[in-house]
Amino acid sequence: MSRKIALPLLVAAALVSIILASRTPQPIIEELPPKEADAPTALLTQTEKVSDQTVTLRVYEPDEAGYARYALFGADGAEIDIPFGVNRGTWIGNGNAAEKVSLTARDDVLGFPGFELETIQGIVMTVCDFYALTEQGFVYAGEAFGLGFDDTEWGDGVWPLDLTGDGRSELVTRSTFGTGVPYVFVYRWNAAEGISQHSGIVWEKADAQLAKLSAPLGSVARAETYHAQDNTVTLTLYTESGTKETTLPLTTDILGEWSTE
């Protein structure tokens, strides 16, 4: 067959295929709007009222490794900013999300109404992140983290108290690092800059002799225990020859510089 005859036959066959395909019933596929199609499934939703606002926590389905991401939303549905470096999820595995993540309204966070987001990181590490409802909206205020967060031993590890005497409360927090040794940190609101700042105890200011003894031992030999009932702090130094400690009032005189980092 010559090329002149074969070409028209091929074209005709292609047209017939197109016509038949157009007459064949096609399945109807309903596509979700882009936002709905991309939205992850919420495993847990919890809402708390903070002053005249509401905050909603959503914990999403965990990934293959069991890690679940969470997000916070205001009353208008806009996502509340979680600063860089702050946890955005926790390991849940096959467990109950409500046992790993919780939202609690607080009357006083740096002198503002606010809320606390508590997560269990790993198996026993508790992390409490605090947000204050300021003129700017919800703003990250500070954190407390570590082991032993229960009502009998340490309380919830956070105490609002006006240390600076400006009429606005600071947050005194108790945190522990990997060793389980407690340390005291204080958060304040810097109204001029519209940010939260934190500071810690400087042992050289609190007890120069104890600080000198601790210098060759390092921070792992130190412990700071806050006593809310009388606003005092006990500095404990663990040495080979025994334990040495001192107790004194917690004031701004023994704190270091205020930092945002």
Protein backbone atom coordinates (compact mmCIF):
# COMPACT_ATOMS: atom_id res chain seq x y z
CA MET A 1 0.00 0.00 0.00
CA SER A 2 1.39 3.35 -0.95
CA ARG A 3 2.08 6.13 1.60
CA LYS A 4 -0.64 8.29 -0.05
CA ILE A 5 -3.33 5.71 0.81
CA ALA A 6 -2.00 4.70 4.27
CA LEU A 7 -1.89 8.17 5.76
CA PRO A 8 -5.61 9.01 5.23
CA LEU A 9 -6.56 5.61 6.70
CA LEU A 10 -4.54 6.30 9.86
CA VAL A 11 -6.15 9.71 10.28
CA ALA A 12 -9.62 8.23 9.84
CA ALA A 13 -8.92 5.52 12.42
CA ALA A 14 -7.77 8.12 14.94
CA LEU A 15 -10.97 10.16 14.42
CA VAL A 16 -13.15 7.07 14.98
CA SER A 17 -11.28 6.35 18.26
CA ILE A 18 -11.86 9.89 19.50
CA ILE A 19 -15.60 9.76 18.67
CA LEU A 20 -16.07 6.41 20.43
CA ALA A 21 -14.16 7.61 23.51
CA SER A 22 -16.34 10.74 23.72
CA ARG A 23 -19.48 8.56 23.72
CA THR A 24 -18.16 6.22 26.44
CA PRO A 25 -19.51 7.16 29.92
CA GLN A 26 -16.74 8.61 32.09
CA PRO A 27 -16.64 8.39 35.90
CA ILE A 28 -17.55 11.63 37.68
CA ILE A 29 -14.74 12.85 39.95
CA GLU A 30 -15.66 15.53 42.45
CA GLU A 31 -12.58 17.51 43.35
CA LEU A 32 -12.40 19.22 46.73
CA PRO A 33 -11.37 22.87 46.88
CA PRO A 34 -7.58 23.12 47.27
CA LYS A 35 -7.74 24.17 50.94
CA GLU A 36 -10.06 21.31 51.93
CA ALA A 37 -8.14 18.76 49.89
CA ASP A 38 -4.86 19.70 51.57
CA ALA A 39 -6.24 20.03 55.11
CA PRO A 40 -4.94 17.29 57.44
CA THR A 41 -7.31 15.26 59.58
CA ALA A 42 -7.71 16.56 63.14
CA LEU A 43 -7.16 13.85 65.74
CA LEU A 44 -8.05 16.13 68.66
CA THR A 45 -9.76 19.53 68.88
CA GLN A 46 -9.95 21.51 72.11
CA THR A 47 -11.23 25.06 72.65
CA GLU A 48 -10.70 27.36 75.66
CA LYS A 49 -12.10 30.81 76.39
CA VAL A 50 -9.46 33.43 77.20
CA SER A 51 -11.01 36.72 78.33
CA ASP A 52 -13.32 37.68 75.44
CA GLN A 53 -11.39 35.51 72.95
CA THR A 54 -11.31 31.81 72.19
CA VAL A 55 -8.34 29.60 71.41
CA THR A 56 -8.61 26.31 69.55
CA LEU A 57 -6.00 23.57 69.63
CA ARG A 58 -5.93 21.05 66.80
CA VAL A 59 -3.77 17.96 66.93
CA TYR A 60 -3.44 16.23 63.57
CA GLU A 61 -3.09 12.59 62.62
CA PRO A 62 0.45 11.35 63.37
CA ASP A 63 2.84 10.52 60.57
CA GLU A 64 4.35 7.07 59.97
CA ALA A 65 6.79 7.61 62.85
CA GLY A 66 3.97 8.46 65.28
CA TYR A 67 4.78 12.18 65.40
CA ALA A 68 1.71 14.44 65.49
CA ARG A 69 1.78 18.09 64.52
CA TYR A 70 -0.48 20.60 66.25
CA ALA A 71 -1.62 24.16 65.60
CA LEU A 72 -3.37 26.95 67.51
CA PHE A 73 -6.16 29.13 66.12
CA GLY A 74 -7.86 32.31 67.29
CA ALA A 75 -11.58 33.07 67.17
CA ASP A 76 -11.25 34.39 63.60
CA GLY A 77 -9.75 31.10 62.41
CA ALA A 78 -6.31 32.62 61.88
CA GLU A 79 -3.41 30.49 63.06
CA ILE A 80 -1.61 31.78 66.15
CA ASP A 81 2.11 32.19 65.55
CA ILE A 82 4.35 29.60 67.20
CA PRO A 83 7.86 31.10 67.29
CA PHE A 84 10.82 29.40 65.66
CA GLY A 85 12.42 26.91 68.03
CA VAL A 86 9.20 26.19 69.94
CA ASN A 87 7.74 22.70 69.64
CA ARG A 88 5.09 22.26 66.94
CA GLY A 89 4.28 18.63 67.65
CA THR A 90 4.88 15.63 69.85
CA TRP A 91 5.24 11.87 69.58
CA ILE A 92 1.90 10.13 70.10
CA GLY A 93 2.41 6.77 68.44
CA ASN A 94 -0.71 4.69 68.95
CA GLY A 95 -1.58 6.45 72.20
CA ASN A 96 -4.30 8.89 73.19
CA ALA A 97 -3.65 12.42 71.90
CA ALA A 98 -5.51 13.94 74.88
CA GLU A 99 -2.93 12.36 77.19
CA LYS A 100 -0.08 13.95 75.25
CA VAL A 101 -1.39 17.45 74.44
CA SER A 102 -3.68 19.76 76.42
CA LEU A 103 -4.82 23.39 76.45
CA THR A 104 -5.60 25.34 79.65
CA ALA A 105 -6.74 28.94 80.07
CA ARG A 106 -4.81 31.02 82.64
CA ASP A 107 -5.89 34.22 84.35
CA ASP A 108 -2.41 35.69 84.62
CA VAL A 109 0.37 35.31 82.07
CA LEU A 110 2.79 38.23 82.46
CA GLY A 111 -0.10 40.36 83.70
CA PHE A 112 -2.42 39.38 80.83
CA PRO A 113 -5.05 36.68 80.43
CA GLY A 114 -3.57 33.81 78.49
CA PHE A 115 -3.26 30.09 78.09
CA GLU A 116 -0.90 27.19 78.58
CA LEU A 117 -0.17 24.49 76.01
CA GLU A 118 1.19 21.38 77.69
CA THR A 119 2.78 18.53 75.75
CA ILE A 120 4.53 15.33 76.73
CA GLN A 121 7.70 15.09 74.68
CA GLY A 122 9.09 11.59 74.43
CA ILE A 123 7.84 9.52 77.34
CA VAL A 124 8.16 11.63 80.51
CA MET A 125 9.38 15.10 79.50
CA THR A 126 6.71 17.75 80.08
CA VAL A 127 6.87 21.02 78.12
CA CYS A 128 4.56 23.91 79.02
CA ASP A 129 4.40 26.84 76.59
CA PHE A 130 2.61 30.02 77.68
CA TYR A 131 0.87 32.64 75.57
CA ALA A 132 -0.44 36.04 76.71
CA LEU A 133 -3.37 37.95 75.20
CA THR A 134 -1.79 41.39 74.70
CA GLU A 135 -2.79 44.41 72.64
CA GLN A 136 -1.05 42.66 69.74
CA GLY A 137 -3.15 39.52 70.14
CA PHE A 138 -1.77 36.24 71.44
CA VAL A 139 1.98 36.44 71.99
CA TYR A 140 4.39 33.74 73.12
CA ALA A 141 5.34 34.43 76.75
CA GLY A 142 7.65 31.67 77.98
CA GLU A 143 8.07 28.03 78.89
CA ALA A 144 8.68 25.53 81.65
CA PHE A 145 9.97 22.04 80.93
CA GLY A 146 11.39 18.92 82.47
CA LEU A 147 10.57 16.10 84.82
CA GLY A 148 8.44 15.83 87.96
CA PHE A 149 5.57 18.09 86.91
CA ASP A 150 2.89 17.02 89.33
CA ASP A 151 0.79 18.72 91.99
CA THR A 152 2.44 17.03 94.94
CA GLU A 153 6.13 17.60 94.24
CA TRP A 154 6.52 20.88 92.38
CA GLY A 155 3.05 22.13 91.55
CA ASP A 156 2.73 23.03 87.90
CA GLY A 157 6.17 24.63 87.83
CA VAL A 158 4.91 28.17 87.16
CA TRP A 159 4.11 30.99 89.57
CA PRO A 160 2.90 34.52 88.65
CA LEU A 161 4.53 37.13 90.90
CA ASP A 162 5.37 40.82 90.67
CA LEU A 163 9.13 40.75 91.21
CA THR A 164 9.95 44.08 89.56
CA GLY A 165 7.39 46.12 91.51
CA ASP A 166 5.84 47.65 88.40
CA GLY A 167 2.36 46.30 89.13
CA ARG A 168 2.59 43.63 86.43
CA SER A 169 3.35 40.03 87.32
CA GLU A 170 6.30 38.08 86.05
CA LEU A 171 6.35 34.30 85.58
CA VAL A 172 8.66 32.35 87.86
CA THR A 173 9.27 28.94 86.30
CA ARG A 174 10.99 25.74 87.31
CA SER A 175 12.64 23.70 84.57
CA THR A 176 14.92 20.67 84.50
CA PHE A 177 17.35 19.57 81.85
CA GLY A 178 18.46 16.02 81.04
CA THR A 179 19.94 15.47 84.51
CA GLY A 180 16.62 16.21 86.21
CA VAL A 181 18.22 18.98 88.30
CA PRO A 182 15.87 21.98 88.71
CA TYR A 183 16.67 25.54 87.65
CA VAL A 184 14.69 28.74 88.13
CA PHE A 185 13.90 31.12 85.27
CA VAL A 186 11.89 34.33 85.34
CA TYR A 187 9.92 35.83 82.42
CA ARG A 188 8.77 39.45 82.19
CA TRP A 189 6.85 41.57 79.70
CA ASN A 190 8.80 44.39 78.06
CA ALA A 191 5.98 46.83 77.23
CA ALA A 192 8.24 49.22 75.32
CA GLU A 193 9.27 46.52 72.84
CA GLY A 194 6.12 44.43 73.06
CA ILE A 195 8.00 41.20 73.77
CA SER A 196 8.64 38.68 76.52
CA GLN A 197 12.10 38.45 78.07
CA HIS A 198 13.65 35.98 80.47
CA SER A 199 16.44 35.86 83.01
CA GLY A 200 18.04 33.39 85.40
CA ILE A 201 19.79 33.38 88.74
CA VAL A 202 23.43 34.50 88.77
CA TRP A 203 25.13 32.55 91.54
CA GLU A 204 27.91 35.12 91.86
CA LYS A 205 25.26 37.68 92.83
CA ALA A 206 23.33 35.33 95.09
CA ASP A 207 26.22 33.75 97.02
CA ALA A 208 29.76 34.52 95.92
CA GLN A 209 31.32 31.82 98.13
CA LEU A 210 29.00 29.09 96.86
CA ALA A 211 29.59 30.23 93.29
CA LYS A 212 33.34 30.01 93.79
CA LEU A 213 33.06 26.48 95.13
CA SER A 214 30.87 25.45 92.19
CA ALA A 215 33.16 26.88 89.50
CA PRO A 216 35.34 23.75 89.03
CA LEU A 217 32.34 21.41 89.26
CA GLY A 218 30.21 22.93 86.52
CA SER A 219 26.47 23.50 86.27
CA VAL A 220 25.60 19.80 86.68
CA ALA A 221 26.52 20.11 90.37
CA ARG A 222 24.07 22.98 90.90
CA ALA A 223 20.37 22.97 91.69
CA GLU A 224 17.87 25.81 92.21
CA THR A 225 14.63 25.16 94.11
CA TYR A 226 11.92 27.82 94.29
CA HIS A 227 9.60 28.05 97.32
CA ALA A 228 6.42 29.87 96.35
CA GLN A 229 5.05 30.08 99.88
CA ASP A 230 7.68 32.64 100.95
CA ASN A 231 9.22 33.59 97.58
CA THR A 232 12.64 32.18 98.37
CA VAL A 233 15.06 30.09 96.38
CA THR A 234 17.47 27.46 97.65
CA LEU A 235 20.78 27.11 95.84
CA THR A 236 22.25 23.63 96.30
CA LEU A 237 25.77 22.54 95.42
CA TYR A 238 26.64 18.84 95.27
CA THR A 239 30.27 18.12 96.07
CA GLU A 240 32.34 15.03 96.86
CA SER A 241 32.50 16.12 100.49
CA GLY A 242 28.75 16.64 100.79
CA THR A 243 25.95 19.05 99.99
CA LYS A 244 26.21 22.78 100.55
CA GLU A 245 23.25 25.12 100.17
CA THR A 246 21.87 28.53 100.93
CA THR A 247 18.34 29.95 100.88
CA LEU A 248 17.56 33.58 100.08
CA PRO A 249 14.69 35.74 98.76
CA LEU A 250 14.13 35.68 95.00
CA THR A 251 14.52 39.27 93.84
CA THR A 252 15.73 40.97 90.69
CA ASP A 253 19.00 41.70 92.50
CA ILE A 254 20.18 38.12 91.96
CA LEU A 255 18.99 37.82 88.35
CA GLY A 256 21.11 38.29 85.25
CA GLU A 257 20.40 40.38 82.18
CA TRP A 258 17.03 40.11 80.49
CA SER A 259 17.15 38.31 77.15
CA THR A 260 14.82 37.36 74.31
CA GLU A 261 16.92 34.38 73.15
